Amino acid sequence: MNAVLNISAYKFVPLADAPALRERLLERATALDLKGTVLLAGEGINLFVAGAEAAVRDFVATLRADPRLADLAPKESWSATQPFRRMLVKVKREIIRMDQPQIRPDFSHDGGRAPAVPAATVRRWLDAGRDDDGRPVVTLDTRNAFEVDCGAFDGAIDWRLGKFSDFPAALAAHRAELEGKTVVSYCTGGIRCEKAALLMRAAGLAHVYQLEGGILKYFEETGGAHFHGDCFVFDEREALASDLNARRG
């Protein structure tokens, strides 16, 4: 029986009080016997947490009680066992490292994030091979190479990244390949393709979007059409199939 609720979520929003917020969240998560990782930075929050359903929902309510996180919308999956070994809440320079300080998404105001395309639209575009304006559509994987090897969209562009901070150099080397196309960047849950899409827009590529909610949301809403293999996850489940159940582990 899958009795452990797993959630993942992120939000780019200014958090000037990240150290103090760390103490409050660690205390609450520990009291609820949750395990996982919460990353905090001046640019926002990124989290992967698991535990009993009531405890997880209590923790989400705690997060949403902060007005800056009131609209946090975690993605959910279930597992038979706890996939994390301990509870960590860390303050970092970036919640996802890109080493491009000028790329700073901000969900707190209109225009502060990358344009996003919902899963159903991406599936429709991939069915047709073109977007609604007739422009060729390509998917661009912003994950590390070993994650791509676990599963990816059919025909996805894969720059064999060793780490996400390699993405800016890869874009500089391959930018010409993307000209004249509609580019849908994607990753596991949305955080990497959020920054990647903004960087591509800053580089002058006009028709760039991110897959809203990443692969996990795409699995939830489409069943994984046009995706082969599984989605690698950074916990003891190792990978999730298109039904969001653990394939291994």
Protein backbone atom coordinates (compact mmCIF):
# COMPACT_ATOMS: atom_id res chain seq x y z
CA MET A 1 0.00 0.00 0.00
CA ASN A 2 1.33 3.44 -0.95
CA ALA A 3 0.88 5.33 2.32
CA VAL A 4 3.69 7.89 2.02
CA LEU A 5 2.81 11.18 0.35
CA ASN A 6 5.67 12.77 -1.60
CA ILE A 7 5.52 16.41 -2.62
CA SER A 8 7.76 18.68 -4.64
CA ALA A 9 7.37 22.39 -5.20
CA TYR A 10 9.32 25.53 -5.93
CA LYS A 11 8.64 29.22 -6.17
CA PHE A 12 10.85 32.11 -7.16
CA VAL A 13 9.95 34.93 -4.79
CA PRO A 14 12.16 37.26 -2.72
CA LEU A 15 12.90 35.76 0.71
CA ALA A 16 15.08 38.26 2.52
CA ASP A 17 14.58 36.38 5.81
CA ALA A 18 15.71 32.96 4.56
CA PRO A 19 17.84 32.14 7.67
CA ALA A 20 14.98 32.84 10.07
CA LEU A 21 12.53 30.99 7.82
CA ARG A 22 14.89 28.02 7.84
CA GLU A 23 14.61 27.68 11.62
CA ARG A 24 10.82 27.83 11.60
CA LEU A 25 10.42 25.29 8.81
CA LEU A 26 12.94 22.85 10.23
CA GLU A 27 11.22 22.94 13.61
CA ARG A 28 7.80 22.32 12.05
CA ALA A 29 8.95 19.57 9.68
CA THR A 30 10.78 17.78 12.49
CA ALA A 31 7.71 17.94 14.74
CA LEU A 32 5.65 16.38 11.94
CA ASP A 33 8.22 13.58 11.42
CA LEU A 34 8.77 14.56 7.80
CA LYS A 35 11.87 13.81 5.78
CA GLY A 36 13.30 15.41 2.67
CA THR A 37 15.04 18.63 1.68
CA VAL A 38 13.96 22.26 1.66
CA LEU A 39 16.26 24.77 -0.03
CA LEU A 40 15.88 28.47 0.71
CA ALA A 41 17.61 31.44 -0.90
CA GLY A 42 17.04 35.10 -1.47
CA GLU A 43 15.43 34.10 -4.78
CA GLY A 44 12.89 31.60 -3.37
CA ILE A 45 12.16 28.07 -2.16
CA ASN A 46 12.61 24.56 -3.57
CA LEU A 47 11.44 21.49 -1.68
CA PHE A 48 11.07 17.71 -1.75
CA VAL A 49 9.31 16.34 1.33
CA ALA A 50 7.62 13.04 2.25
CA GLY A 51 5.68 11.59 5.15
CA ALA A 52 2.23 10.67 6.38
CA GLU A 53 -0.49 12.40 4.38
CA ALA A 54 -1.89 14.46 7.27
CA ALA A 55 1.59 15.59 8.28
CA VAL A 56 2.55 16.62 4.75
CA ARG A 57 -0.67 18.59 4.30
CA ASP A 58 -0.08 20.27 7.67
CA PHE A 59 3.38 21.32 6.47
CA VAL A 60 1.97 22.69 3.21
CA ALA A 61 -0.53 24.70 5.25
CA THR A 62 2.36 26.09 7.28
CA LEU A 63 4.11 27.18 4.09
CA ARG A 64 0.99 28.75 2.64
CA ALA A 65 0.41 30.73 5.83
CA ASP A 66 3.30 32.90 4.66
CA PRO A 67 1.69 35.36 2.19
CA ARG A 68 4.67 35.02 -0.15
CA LEU A 69 3.98 31.28 -0.47
CA ALA A 70 0.18 31.36 -0.33
CA ASP A 71 -0.19 30.00 -3.88
CA LEU A 72 2.43 27.26 -3.57
CA ALA A 73 1.10 24.27 -5.55
CA PRO A 74 3.04 21.08 -4.80
CA LYS A 75 3.08 18.12 -7.17
CA GLU A 76 2.13 14.88 -5.45
CA SER A 77 3.06 11.22 -5.79
CA TRP A 78 2.83 8.22 -3.47
CA SER A 79 5.23 5.52 -2.32
CA ALA A 80 5.13 2.47 -0.09
CA THR A 81 8.16 3.57 1.92
CA GLN A 82 9.85 6.79 2.99
CA PRO A 83 12.24 7.75 0.16
CA PHE A 84 14.34 10.16 2.23
CA ARG A 85 16.65 9.40 5.15
CA ARG A 86 16.53 12.70 7.04
CA MET A 87 15.05 16.18 7.11
CA LEU A 88 17.28 19.00 5.83
CA VAL A 89 16.46 22.68 5.53
CA LYS A 90 19.32 24.65 3.97
CA VAL A 91 20.00 28.25 3.03
CA LYS A 92 21.82 28.50 -0.31
CA ARG A 93 22.95 31.25 -2.67
CA GLU A 94 20.51 29.94 -5.33
CA ILE A 95 17.73 27.37 -5.06
CA ILE A 96 19.00 25.99 -8.37
CA ARG A 97 22.53 26.96 -9.32
CA MET A 98 23.07 28.59 -12.69
CA ASP A 99 25.75 31.19 -11.85
CA GLN A 100 23.88 33.80 -13.88
CA PRO A 101 22.83 36.43 -11.31
CA GLN A 102 21.05 38.51 -13.95
CA ILE A 103 18.56 35.64 -14.47
CA ARG A 104 16.25 36.06 -11.51
CA PRO A 105 12.69 34.77 -11.90
CA ASP A 106 10.16 36.34 -9.59
CA PHE A 107 6.62 34.97 -9.29
CA SER A 108 5.51 37.90 -7.16
CA HIS A 109 4.70 40.14 -10.12
CA ASP A 110 3.46 39.81 -13.68
CA GLY A 111 6.20 39.28 -16.23
CA GLY A 112 8.65 38.01 -13.62
CA ARG A 113 8.75 34.43 -14.82
CA ALA A 114 9.31 32.55 -18.06
CA PRO A 115 6.31 31.99 -20.35
CA ALA A 116 4.88 28.55 -19.59
CA VAL A 117 2.93 26.06 -21.69
CA PRO A 118 0.55 23.56 -20.03
CA ALA A 119 1.02 19.85 -20.53
CA ALA A 120 -2.05 19.43 -22.74
CA THR A 121 -0.81 22.10 -25.14
CA VAL A 122 2.65 20.56 -25.35
CA ARG A 123 1.11 17.18 -26.12
CA ARG A 124 -1.03 18.72 -28.86
CA TRP A 125 1.98 20.49 -30.35
CA LEU A 126 4.01 17.28 -30.28
CA ASP A 127 1.13 15.37 -31.90
CA ALA A 128 1.26 17.86 -34.78
CA GLY A 129 4.99 18.56 -34.76
CA ARG A 130 4.17 22.27 -34.86
CA ASP A 131 2.78 24.97 -32.61
CA ASP A 132 -0.48 26.82 -33.22
CA ASP A 133 1.28 29.24 -35.59
CA GLY A 134 2.74 26.42 -37.68
CA ARG A 135 6.26 26.83 -36.34
CA PRO A 136 8.33 23.64 -35.79
CA VAL A 137 8.41 22.58 -32.14
CA VAL A 138 11.43 21.11 -30.36
CA THR A 139 11.81 20.00 -26.76
CA LEU A 140 15.02 20.91 -24.94
CA ASP A 141 16.07 18.82 -21.93
CA THR A 142 17.70 20.97 -19.26
CA ARG A 143 18.58 18.06 -16.96
CA ASN A 144 21.89 16.30 -16.42
CA ALA A 145 22.92 13.65 -18.94
CA PHE A 146 22.37 10.71 -16.58
CA GLU A 147 18.81 11.88 -15.93
CA VAL A 148 18.13 12.11 -19.66
CA ASP A 149 19.41 8.56 -20.07
CA CYS A 150 16.67 7.36 -17.71
CA GLY A 151 13.93 8.81 -19.90
CA ALA A 152 13.17 11.80 -22.13
CA PHE A 153 10.80 13.20 -24.70
CA ASP A 154 11.07 11.59 -28.12
CA GLY A 155 13.64 13.47 -30.18
CA ALA A 156 14.49 15.90 -27.38
CA ILE A 157 17.57 18.10 -27.73
CA ASP A 158 20.13 16.87 -25.21
CA TRP A 159 23.33 18.85 -24.67
CA ARG A 160 24.82 16.21 -22.34
CA LEU A 161 25.00 18.57 -19.38
CA GLY A 162 27.13 17.47 -16.46
CA LYS A 163 25.43 19.96 -14.17
CA PHE A 164 22.85 22.70 -14.63
CA SER A 165 25.46 25.45 -14.37
CA ASP A 166 26.84 24.09 -17.69
CA PHE A 167 23.66 25.24 -19.45
CA PRO A 168 24.75 28.84 -20.28
CA ALA A 169 27.89 27.66 -22.09
CA ALA A 170 25.91 24.98 -23.94
CA LEU A 171 23.38 27.57 -25.04
CA ALA A 172 26.14 29.82 -26.36
CA ALA A 173 27.53 26.90 -28.37
CA HIS A 174 24.21 25.69 -29.78
CA ARG A 175 22.02 28.78 -29.98
CA ALA A 176 21.88 28.75 -33.79
CA GLU A 177 20.20 25.32 -33.71
CA LEU A 178 17.17 26.85 -31.99
CA GLU A 179 16.61 29.80 -34.32
CA GLY A 180 13.22 29.81 -36.06
CA LYS A 181 11.77 27.11 -33.82
CA THR A 182 9.41 27.05 -30.90
CA VAL A 183 11.49 25.70 -28.02
CA VAL A 184 9.85 24.00 -25.03
CA SER A 185 12.40 23.60 -22.25
CA TYR A 186 11.67 20.95 -19.65
CA CYS A 187 13.03 19.32 -16.50
CA THR A 188 11.73 17.17 -13.65
CA GLY A 189 9.49 19.65 -11.85
CA GLY A 190 9.96 22.98 -13.59
CA ILE A 191 12.66 24.82 -11.68
CA ARG A 192 15.58 24.32 -14.09
CA CYS A 193 13.56 24.97 -17.24
CA GLU A 194 12.23 28.14 -15.58
CA LYS A 195 15.70 29.67 -15.47
CA ALA A 196 16.74 28.08 -18.79
CA ALA A 197 13.79 29.64 -20.64
CA LEU A 198 14.55 33.08 -19.24
CA LEU A 199 18.22 32.79 -20.24
CA MET A 200 17.24 31.77 -23.79
CA ARG A 201 14.88 34.72 -24.01
CA ALA A 202 17.66 37.01 -22.79
CA ALA A 203 19.86 35.54 -25.53
CA GLY A 204 17.37 36.77 -28.13
CA LEU A 205 15.40 33.60 -28.88
CA ALA A 206 11.83 34.80 -29.36
CA HIS A 207 9.76 31.61 -29.18
CA VAL A 208 10.87 29.94 -25.96
CA TYR A 209 8.61 28.42 -23.31
CA GLN A 210 8.90 26.14 -20.32
CA LEU A 211 6.79 23.05 -19.73
CA GLU A 212 4.51 24.04 -16.88
CA GLY A 213 5.19 21.78 -13.88
CA GLY A 214 7.88 19.79 -15.65
CA ILE A 215 7.83 16.08 -16.46
CA LEU A 216 5.96 15.14 -13.29
CA LYS A 217 3.02 17.40 -14.12
CA TYR A 218 3.12 16.20 -17.73
CA PHE A 219 2.87 12.58 -16.53
CA GLU A 220 -0.04 13.50 -14.27
CA GLU A 221 -2.02 15.26 -17.00
CA THR A 222 -1.16 13.30 -20.17
CA GLY A 223 -0.02 9.85 -19.06
CA GLY A 224 3.39 10.43 -20.63
CA ALA A 225 2.56 10.66 -24.34
CA HIS A 226 5.68 11.30 -26.48
CA PHE A 227 7.92 10.46 -23.50
CA HIS A 228 9.97 7.27 -23.45
CA GLY A 229 11.42 5.73 -20.28
CA ASP A 230 11.05 6.95 -16.72
CA CYS A 231 11.66 10.21 -14.88
CA PHE A 232 14.73 10.17 -12.65
CA VAL A 233 14.14 11.55 -9.15
CA PHE A 234 16.72 12.41 -6.52
CA ASP A 235 15.55 10.08 -3.76
CA GLU A 236 15.54 6.36 -3.00
CA ARG A 237 12.74 5.67 -5.48
CA GLU A 238 15.28 6.44 -8.24
CA ALA A 239 12.72 6.81 -11.04
CA LEU A 240 9.00 7.28 -11.59
CA ALA A 241 7.01 5.74 -14.40
CA SER A 242 4.38 7.73 -16.29
CA ASP A 243 1.75 6.65 -13.73
CA LEU A 244 3.92 8.37 -11.06
CA ASN A 245 4.68 5.09 -9.32
CA ALA A 246 8.25 4.11 -8.51
CA ARG A 247 9.84 1.93 -11.19
CA ARG A 248 12.71 0.79 -8.99
CA GLY A 249 13.80 1.03 -5.39
